[in-house]
């Protein structure tokens, strides 16, 4: 948001510049803005200026409609992280409707509510309830994707399992955290990232790719619209 922001925090600009030729359409939904991470009055991480963090859909096909809907807190300044573990920052889901050669595809993406042990919280349960209701507003082929910050054996994930296909479960994925990551033993061994689909999506293949591009692994879905 400011010209002074350090290059490392300009990932949206860099990514879009590199892939725009092949994936020209995008919609970004900010969750919060901040100029630094501040804990107990001290700056732990300086962004070099004001930034936004959020979720983005980047596509080969036109995005006819899109919305950024907050389900935990509202968009605002999230610089003070003193009580982050207990309160979290604002969370939202991007809901985009793509035109796939004349057919509609609904895509939802999110970065889920934080929990230290990646277990159920009141926030995560409300998050699942919100997602399920949001998808069912329209009768469309739907993909839900993101870092849910939750392990598979949580009630929050089970709620979504009852309504949609959990491809990580179907394809017996055991981890979405790269081998090089230095996180806790819980996150190193666990599945935290998911793709769910409804019955209007024909799944051809699904896989998790081992790479060091991020602290989480990319999920690749090959599909057709029924």
C-alpha atoms as a PDB file:
ATOM      1  CA  UNK A   1       0.000   0.000   0.000  1.00  0.00           C
ATOM      2  CA  UNK A   2       3.083   2.271   0.406  1.00  0.00           C
ATOM      3  CA  UNK A   3       6.034   2.745  -1.940  1.00  0.00           C
ATOM      4  CA  UNK A   4       8.362   2.190   1.029  1.00  0.00           C
ATOM      5  CA  UNK A   5       7.239  -1.422   1.683  1.00  0.00           C
ATOM      6  CA  UNK A   6      10.181  -3.843   1.644  1.00  0.00           C
ATOM      7  CA  UNK A   7      10.459  -6.032  -1.516  1.00  0.00           C
ATOM      8  CA  UNK A   8       9.949  -9.295   0.440  1.00  0.00           C
ATOM      9  CA  UNK A   9       6.389  -8.180   1.256  1.00  0.00           C
ATOM     10  CA  UNK A  10       5.434  -7.396  -2.365  1.00  0.00           C
ATOM     11  CA  UNK A  11       4.611 -10.999  -3.294  1.00  0.00           C
ATOM     12  CA  UNK A  12       1.267 -10.185  -4.961  1.00  0.00           C
ATOM     13  CA  UNK A  13       2.915  -7.794  -7.425  1.00  0.00           C
ATOM     14  CA  UNK A  14       5.781 -10.174  -8.194  1.00  0.00           C
ATOM     15  CA  UNK A  15       3.583 -13.248  -8.694  1.00  0.00           C
ATOM     16  CA  UNK A  16       1.089 -11.466 -10.939  1.00  0.00           C
ATOM     17  CA  UNK A  17       3.881  -9.980 -13.087  1.00  0.00           C
ATOM     18  CA  UNK A  18       5.424 -13.416 -13.689  1.00  0.00           C
ATOM     19  CA  UNK A  19       2.232 -15.338 -14.517  1.00  0.00           C
ATOM     20  CA  UNK A  20      -0.029 -12.655 -16.012  1.00  0.00           C
ATOM     21  CA  UNK A  21       0.526 -13.836 -19.608  1.00  0.00           C
ATOM     22  CA  UNK A  22      -0.916 -17.295 -18.848  1.00  0.00           C
ATOM     23  CA  UNK A  23      -3.256 -16.356 -15.991  1.00  0.00           C
ATOM     24  CA  UNK A  24      -4.547 -12.848 -16.743  1.00  0.00           C
ATOM     25  CA  UNK A  25      -7.555 -12.716 -14.396  1.00  0.00           C
ATOM     26  CA  UNK A  26      -7.373 -12.148 -10.654  1.00  0.00           C
ATOM     27  CA  UNK A  27      -9.322 -11.077  -7.594  1.00  0.00           C
ATOM     28  CA  UNK A  28      -7.636 -10.189  -4.295  1.00  0.00           C
ATOM     29  CA  UNK A  29      -9.528 -10.107  -1.007  1.00  0.00           C
ATOM     30  CA  UNK A  30      -7.627  -8.424   1.857  1.00  0.00           C
ATOM     31  CA  UNK A  31      -8.129  -9.702   5.394  1.00  0.00           C
ATOM     32  CA  UNK A  32      -6.306  -6.915   7.241  1.00  0.00           C
ATOM     33  CA  UNK A  33      -3.693  -4.167   6.935  1.00  0.00           C
ATOM     34  CA  UNK A  34      -0.676  -3.326   9.103  1.00  0.00           C
ATOM     35  CA  UNK A  35       2.631  -1.469   9.075  1.00  0.00           C
ATOM     36  CA  UNK A  36       4.397  -3.863  11.478  1.00  0.00           C
ATOM     37  CA  UNK A  37       3.924  -6.753  13.903  1.00  0.00           C
ATOM     38  CA  UNK A  38       3.830  -5.234  17.379  1.00  0.00           C
ATOM     39  CA  UNK A  39       3.833  -7.318  20.564  1.00  0.00           C
ATOM     40  CA  UNK A  40       3.649  -5.716  24.004  1.00  0.00           C
ATOM     41  CA  UNK A  41       4.587  -2.363  22.512  1.00  0.00           C
ATOM     42  CA  UNK A  42       7.666  -3.643  20.642  1.00  0.00           C
ATOM     43  CA  UNK A  43       8.041  -4.087  16.869  1.00  0.00           C
ATOM     44  CA  UNK A  44       8.946  -7.680  16.044  1.00  0.00           C
ATOM     45  CA  UNK A  45       8.598  -7.364  12.286  1.00  0.00           C
ATOM     46  CA  UNK A  46       8.691  -4.129  10.291  1.00  0.00           C
ATOM     47  CA  UNK A  47       7.043  -4.178   6.848  1.00  0.00           C
ATOM     48  CA  UNK A  48       8.605  -0.896   5.746  1.00  0.00           C
ATOM     49  CA  UNK A  49       5.189   0.641   5.228  1.00  0.00           C
ATOM     50  CA  UNK A  50       1.526  -0.283   5.219  1.00  0.00           C
ATOM     51  CA  UNK A  51       0.648  -3.668   3.664  1.00  0.00           C
ATOM     52  CA  UNK A  52      -2.451  -5.785   3.181  1.00  0.00           C
ATOM     53  CA  UNK A  53      -2.572  -9.543   3.591  1.00  0.00           C
ATOM     54  CA  UNK A  54      -5.318 -11.657   2.093  1.00  0.00           C
ATOM     55  CA  UNK A  55      -6.417 -14.369  -0.309  1.00  0.00           C
ATOM     56  CA  UNK A  56      -6.337 -14.274  -4.089  1.00  0.00           C
ATOM     57  CA  UNK A  57      -7.862 -16.195  -6.976  1.00  0.00           C
ATOM     58  CA  UNK A  58      -5.713 -16.058 -10.127  1.00  0.00           C
ATOM     59  CA  UNK A  59      -7.216 -17.632 -13.222  1.00  0.00           C
ATOM     60  CA  UNK A  60      -6.888 -18.443 -16.901  1.00  0.00           C
ATOM     61  CA  UNK A  61     -10.618 -17.883 -17.322  1.00  0.00           C
ATOM     62  CA  UNK A  62     -12.645 -14.684 -16.745  1.00  0.00           C
ATOM     63  CA  UNK A  63     -13.947 -13.986 -13.241  1.00  0.00           C
ATOM     64  CA  UNK A  64     -17.554 -12.895 -13.673  1.00  0.00           C
ATOM     65  CA  UNK A  65     -18.302 -12.217 -10.008  1.00  0.00           C
ATOM     66  CA  UNK A  66     -16.235 -12.129  -6.835  1.00  0.00           C
ATOM     67  CA  UNK A  67     -16.589 -11.134  -3.212  1.00  0.00           C
ATOM     68  CA  UNK A  68     -14.420 -11.008  -0.108  1.00  0.00           C
ATOM     69  CA  UNK A  69     -16.494 -11.956   2.937  1.00  0.00           C
ATOM     70  CA  UNK A  70     -15.195 -11.610   6.499  1.00  0.00           C
ATOM     71  CA  UNK A  71     -16.408 -14.243   8.943  1.00  0.00           C
ATOM     72  CA  UNK A  72     -14.106 -13.409  11.883  1.00  0.00           C
ATOM     73  CA  UNK A  73     -13.647  -9.744  12.793  1.00  0.00           C
ATOM     74  CA  UNK A  74     -13.732  -6.942  10.218  1.00  0.00           C
ATOM     75  CA  UNK A  75     -11.096  -5.543   7.886  1.00  0.00           C
ATOM     76  CA  UNK A  76      -8.873  -3.159   9.829  1.00  0.00           C
ATOM     77  CA  UNK A  77      -5.467  -2.423  11.339  1.00  0.00           C
ATOM     78  CA  UNK A  78      -3.861  -5.614  12.621  1.00  0.00           C
ATOM     79  CA  UNK A  79      -0.476  -4.237  13.681  1.00  0.00           C
ATOM     80  CA  UNK A  80      -0.877  -5.143  17.355  1.00  0.00           C
ATOM     81  CA  UNK A  81      -0.329  -8.909  17.713  1.00  0.00           C
ATOM     82  CA  UNK A  82      -0.068  -8.964  21.533  1.00  0.00           C
ATOM     83  CA  UNK A  83      -3.129 -11.217  21.885  1.00  0.00           C
ATOM     84  CA  UNK A  84      -2.908 -12.948  18.497  1.00  0.00           C
ATOM     85  CA  UNK A  85      -3.021 -16.534  19.840  1.00  0.00           C
ATOM     86  CA  UNK A  86      -6.241 -15.955  21.738  1.00  0.00           C
ATOM     87  CA  UNK A  87      -7.970 -13.464  19.450  1.00  0.00           C
ATOM     88  CA  UNK A  88      -6.492 -13.951  15.949  1.00  0.00           C
ATOM     89  CA  UNK A  89      -6.667 -11.297  13.227  1.00  0.00           C
ATOM     90  CA  UNK A  90      -9.504 -10.786  10.765  1.00  0.00           C
ATOM     91  CA  UNK A  91     -10.291 -13.766   8.523  1.00  0.00           C
ATOM     92  CA  UNK A  92     -12.173 -13.792   5.223  1.00  0.00           C
ATOM     93  CA  UNK A  93     -12.991 -16.060   2.305  1.00  0.00           C
ATOM     94  CA  UNK A  94     -12.828 -15.097  -1.361  1.00  0.00           C
ATOM     95  CA  UNK A  95     -15.810 -16.375  -3.347  1.00  0.00           C
ATOM     96  CA  UNK A  96     -15.245 -16.161  -7.098  1.00  0.00           C
ATOM     97  CA  UNK A  97     -17.446 -17.236 -10.004  1.00  0.00           C
ATOM     98  CA  UNK A  98     -15.457 -18.107 -13.133  1.00  0.00           C
ATOM     99  CA  UNK A  99     -16.678 -18.440 -16.707  1.00  0.00           C
ATOM    100  CA  UNK A 100     -15.267 -21.736 -18.043  1.00  0.00           C
ATOM    101  CA  UNK A 101     -16.168 -21.671 -21.734  1.00  0.00           C
ATOM    102  CA  UNK A 102     -19.713 -20.612 -20.967  1.00  0.00           C
ATOM    103  CA  UNK A 103     -20.124 -22.691 -17.810  1.00  0.00           C
ATOM    104  CA  UNK A 104     -19.908 -21.321 -14.277  1.00  0.00           C
ATOM    105  CA  UNK A 105     -17.417 -22.563 -11.681  1.00  0.00           C
ATOM    106  CA  UNK A 106     -17.521 -21.352  -8.072  1.00  0.00           C
ATOM    107  CA  UNK A 107     -14.173 -21.179  -6.236  1.00  0.00           C
ATOM    108  CA  UNK A 108     -13.734 -20.378  -2.552  1.00  0.00           C
ATOM    109  CA  UNK A 109     -10.307 -19.829  -1.012  1.00  0.00           C
ATOM    110  CA  UNK A 110      -9.251 -18.915   2.507  1.00  0.00           C
ATOM    111  CA  UNK A 111      -6.482 -18.874   5.086  1.00  0.00           C
ATOM    112  CA  UNK A 112      -8.212 -20.396   8.077  1.00  0.00           C
ATOM    113  CA  UNK A 113      -8.548 -19.209  11.654  1.00  0.00           C
ATOM    114  CA  UNK A 114      -5.438 -19.719  13.767  1.00  0.00           C
ATOM    115  CA  UNK A 115      -5.087 -22.314  16.521  1.00  0.00           C
ATOM    116  CA  UNK A 116      -1.816 -23.242  18.212  1.00  0.00           C
ATOM    117  CA  UNK A 117      -2.296 -27.018  18.064  1.00  0.00           C
ATOM    118  CA  UNK A 118      -4.340 -26.966  14.846  1.00  0.00           C
ATOM    119  CA  UNK A 119      -7.355 -28.235  16.775  1.00  0.00           C
ATOM    120  CA  UNK A 120     -10.979 -27.095  17.007  1.00  0.00           C
ATOM    121  CA  UNK A 121     -11.772 -23.657  18.351  1.00  0.00           C
ATOM    122  CA  UNK A 122     -14.977 -21.651  18.451  1.00  0.00           C
ATOM    123  CA  UNK A 123     -13.537 -19.661  15.511  1.00  0.00           C
ATOM    124  CA  UNK A 124     -12.848 -22.742  13.383  1.00  0.00           C
ATOM    125  CA  UNK A 125     -16.311 -24.203  13.973  1.00  0.00           C
ATOM    126  CA  UNK A 126     -17.948 -20.933  12.915  1.00  0.00           C
ATOM    127  CA  UNK A 127     -15.622 -20.857   9.912  1.00  0.00           C
ATOM    128  CA  UNK A 128     -16.835 -24.273   8.720  1.00  0.00           C
ATOM    129  CA  UNK A 129     -20.459 -23.328   9.266  1.00  0.00           C
ATOM    130  CA  UNK A 130     -19.967 -20.119   7.281  1.00  0.00           C
ATOM    131  CA  UNK A 131     -18.268 -21.935   4.370  1.00  0.00           C
ATOM    132  CA  UNK A 132     -20.980 -24.563   4.052  1.00  0.00           C
ATOM    133  CA  UNK A 133     -23.741 -21.952   3.990  1.00  0.00           C
ATOM    134  CA  UNK A 134     -21.816 -19.748   1.529  1.00  0.00           C
ATOM    135  CA  UNK A 135     -21.350 -22.593  -0.971  1.00  0.00           C
ATOM    136  CA  UNK A 136     -25.017 -23.552  -0.871  1.00  0.00           C
ATOM    137  CA  UNK A 137     -26.265 -20.099  -1.838  1.00  0.00           C
ATOM    138  CA  UNK A 138     -25.871 -21.177  -5.475  1.00  0.00           C
ATOM    139  CA  UNK A 139     -26.215 -24.534  -7.182  1.00  0.00           C
ATOM    140  CA  UNK A 140     -22.859 -24.468  -9.020  1.00  0.00           C
ATOM    141  CA  UNK A 141     -19.832 -26.720  -9.503  1.00  0.00           C
ATOM    142  CA  UNK A 142     -17.694 -25.720  -6.520  1.00  0.00           C
ATOM    143  CA  UNK A 143     -14.103 -26.001  -5.321  1.00  0.00           C
ATOM    144  CA  UNK A 144     -13.053 -24.969  -1.797  1.00  0.00           C
ATOM    145  CA  UNK A 145      -9.299 -24.622  -1.272  1.00  0.00           C
ATOM    146  CA  UNK A 146      -6.921 -23.250   1.310  1.00  0.00           C
ATOM    147  CA  UNK A 147      -4.755 -23.532   4.392  1.00  0.00           C
ATOM    148  CA  UNK A 148      -7.376 -24.324   7.012  1.00  0.00           C
ATOM    149  CA  UNK A 149      -4.921 -24.362   9.962  1.00  0.00           C
ATOM    150  CA  UNK A 150      -6.679 -27.559  11.075  1.00  0.00           C
ATOM    151  CA  UNK A 151      -5.801 -31.249  11.285  1.00  0.00           C
ATOM    152  CA  UNK A 152      -8.118 -33.795   9.591  1.00  0.00           C
ATOM    153  CA  UNK A 153      -9.470 -35.321  12.825  1.00  0.00           C
ATOM    154  CA  UNK A 154     -11.111 -32.081  13.961  1.00  0.00           C
ATOM    155  CA  UNK A 155     -14.858 -31.573  14.126  1.00  0.00           C
ATOM    156  CA  UNK A 156     -14.407 -28.425  12.003  1.00  0.00           C
ATOM    157  CA  UNK A 157     -13.059 -30.481   9.085  1.00  0.00           C
ATOM    158  CA  UNK A 158     -15.533 -33.311   9.672  1.00  0.00           C
ATOM    159  CA  UNK A 159     -18.390 -30.814   9.266  1.00  0.00           C
ATOM    160  CA  UNK A 160     -17.166 -30.001   5.763  1.00  0.00           C
ATOM    161  CA  UNK A 161     -16.455 -33.689   5.016  1.00  0.00           C
ATOM    162  CA  UNK A 162     -20.149 -34.440   5.489  1.00  0.00           C
ATOM    163  CA  UNK A 163     -21.115 -31.979   2.756  1.00  0.00           C
ATOM    164  CA  UNK A 164     -18.266 -32.222   0.220  1.00  0.00           C
ATOM    165  CA  UNK A 165     -15.553 -34.573  -1.046  1.00  0.00           C
ATOM    166  CA  UNK A 166     -12.291 -34.206   0.879  1.00  0.00           C
ATOM    167  CA  UNK A 167      -9.683 -34.989  -1.779  1.00  0.00           C
ATOM    168  CA  UNK A 168      -6.786 -35.150   0.656  1.00  0.00           C
ATOM    169  CA  UNK A 169      -8.618 -37.899   2.506  1.00  0.00           C
ATOM    170  CA  UNK A 170      -9.619 -39.744  -0.679  1.00  0.00           C
ATOM    171  CA  UNK A 171      -6.069 -39.695  -2.036  1.00  0.00           C
ATOM    172  CA  UNK A 172      -4.575 -40.611   1.347  1.00  0.00           C
ATOM    173  CA  UNK A 173      -2.423 -37.484   1.708  1.00  0.00           C
ATOM    174  CA  UNK A 174      -0.413 -37.633   4.963  1.00  0.00           C
ATOM    175  CA  UNK A 175       1.194 -34.172   5.018  1.00  0.00           C
ATOM    176  CA  UNK A 176       0.979 -30.810   3.309  1.00  0.00           C
ATOM    177  CA  UNK A 177       4.071 -29.433   5.073  1.00  0.00           C
ATOM    178  CA  UNK A 178       7.437 -29.618   3.212  1.00  0.00           C
ATOM    179  CA  UNK A 179      10.220 -31.755   4.609  1.00  0.00           C
ATOM    180  CA  UNK A 180      12.516 -28.737   4.979  1.00  0.00           C
ATOM    181  CA  UNK A 181      10.098 -26.839   7.257  1.00  0.00           C
ATOM    182  CA  UNK A 182      11.152 -26.217  10.845  1.00  0.00           C
ATOM    183  CA  UNK A 183       7.689 -26.085  12.371  1.00  0.00           C
ATOM    184  CA  UNK A 184       6.392 -28.135  15.279  1.00  0.00           C
ATOM    185  CA  UNK A 185       6.159 -31.919  15.074  1.00  0.00           C
ATOM    186  CA  UNK A 186       2.383 -31.552  14.786  1.00  0.00           C
ATOM    187  CA  UNK A 187       2.505 -29.378  11.690  1.00  0.00           C
ATOM    188  CA  UNK A 188       5.471 -31.185  10.104  1.00  0.00           C
ATOM    189  CA  UNK A 189       3.564 -34.450   9.989  1.00  0.00           C
ATOM    190  CA  UNK A 190       0.056 -33.211   9.440  1.00  0.00           C
ATOM    191  CA  UNK A 191      -2.390 -32.193   6.731  1.00  0.00           C
ATOM    192  CA  UNK A 192      -3.375 -28.541   7.123  1.00  0.00           C
ATOM    193  CA  UNK A 193      -4.258 -27.700   3.516  1.00  0.00           C
ATOM    194  CA  UNK A 194      -7.343 -29.012   1.756  1.00  0.00           C
ATOM    195  CA  UNK A 195      -9.322 -29.063  -1.457  1.00  0.00           C
ATOM    196  CA  UNK A 196     -12.998 -29.949  -1.173  1.00  0.00           C
ATOM    197  CA  UNK A 197     -15.360 -30.330  -4.161  1.00  0.00           C
ATOM    198  CA  UNK A 198     -19.061 -30.864  -4.599  1.00  0.00           C
ATOM    199  CA  UNK A 199     -20.702 -33.539  -6.768  1.00  0.00           C
ATOM    200  CA  UNK A 200     -20.695 -31.306  -9.863  1.00  0.00           C
ATOM    201  CA  UNK A 201     -16.897 -31.586 -10.164  1.00  0.00           C
ATOM    202  CA  UNK A 202     -15.378 -34.599 -11.976  1.00  0.00           C
ATOM    203  CA  UNK A 203     -12.009 -35.307 -10.368  1.00  0.00           C
ATOM    204  CA  UNK A 204      -9.409 -36.662 -12.785  1.00  0.00           C
ATOM    205  CA  UNK A 205      -6.383 -36.496 -10.479  1.00  0.00           C
ATOM    206  CA  UNK A 206      -5.209 -34.903  -7.248  1.00  0.00           C
ATOM    207  CA  UNK A 207      -1.722 -34.641  -5.772  1.00  0.00           C
ATOM    208  CA  UNK A 208       0.488 -32.734  -3.363  1.00  0.00           C
ATOM    209  CA  UNK A 209       3.807 -31.564  -4.807  1.00  0.00           C
ATOM    210  CA  UNK A 210       7.002 -31.641  -2.725  1.00  0.00           C
ATOM    211  CA  UNK A 211       8.828 -28.323  -3.207  1.00  0.00           C
ATOM    212  CA  UNK A 212      10.569 -25.680  -1.107  1.00  0.00           C
ATOM    213  CA  UNK A 213       8.647 -22.747  -2.602  1.00  0.00           C
ATOM    214  CA  UNK A 214       6.695 -22.161   0.611  1.00  0.00           C
ATOM    215  CA  UNK A 215       6.172 -23.350   4.180  1.00  0.00           C
ATOM    216  CA  UNK A 216       3.186 -25.326   2.854  1.00  0.00           C
ATOM    217  CA  UNK A 217       3.017 -27.623  -0.171  1.00  0.00           C
ATOM    218  CA  UNK A 218       0.943 -26.825  -3.296  1.00  0.00           C
ATOM    219  CA  UNK A 219      -2.135 -28.928  -4.015  1.00  0.00           C
ATOM    220  CA  UNK A 220      -2.808 -29.766  -7.660  1.00  0.00           C
ATOM    221  CA  UNK A 221      -6.271 -30.748  -8.866  1.00  0.00           C
ATOM    222  CA  UNK A 222      -7.040 -31.919 -12.422  1.00  0.00           C
ATOM    223  CA  UNK A 223     -10.797 -31.757 -12.961  1.00  0.00           C
ATOM    224  CA  UNK A 224     -13.673 -31.297 -15.389  1.00  0.00           C
ATOM    225  CA  UNK A 225     -17.100 -29.770 -14.914  1.00  0.00           C
ATOM    226  CA  UNK A 226     -19.866 -32.349 -15.093  1.00  0.00           C
END
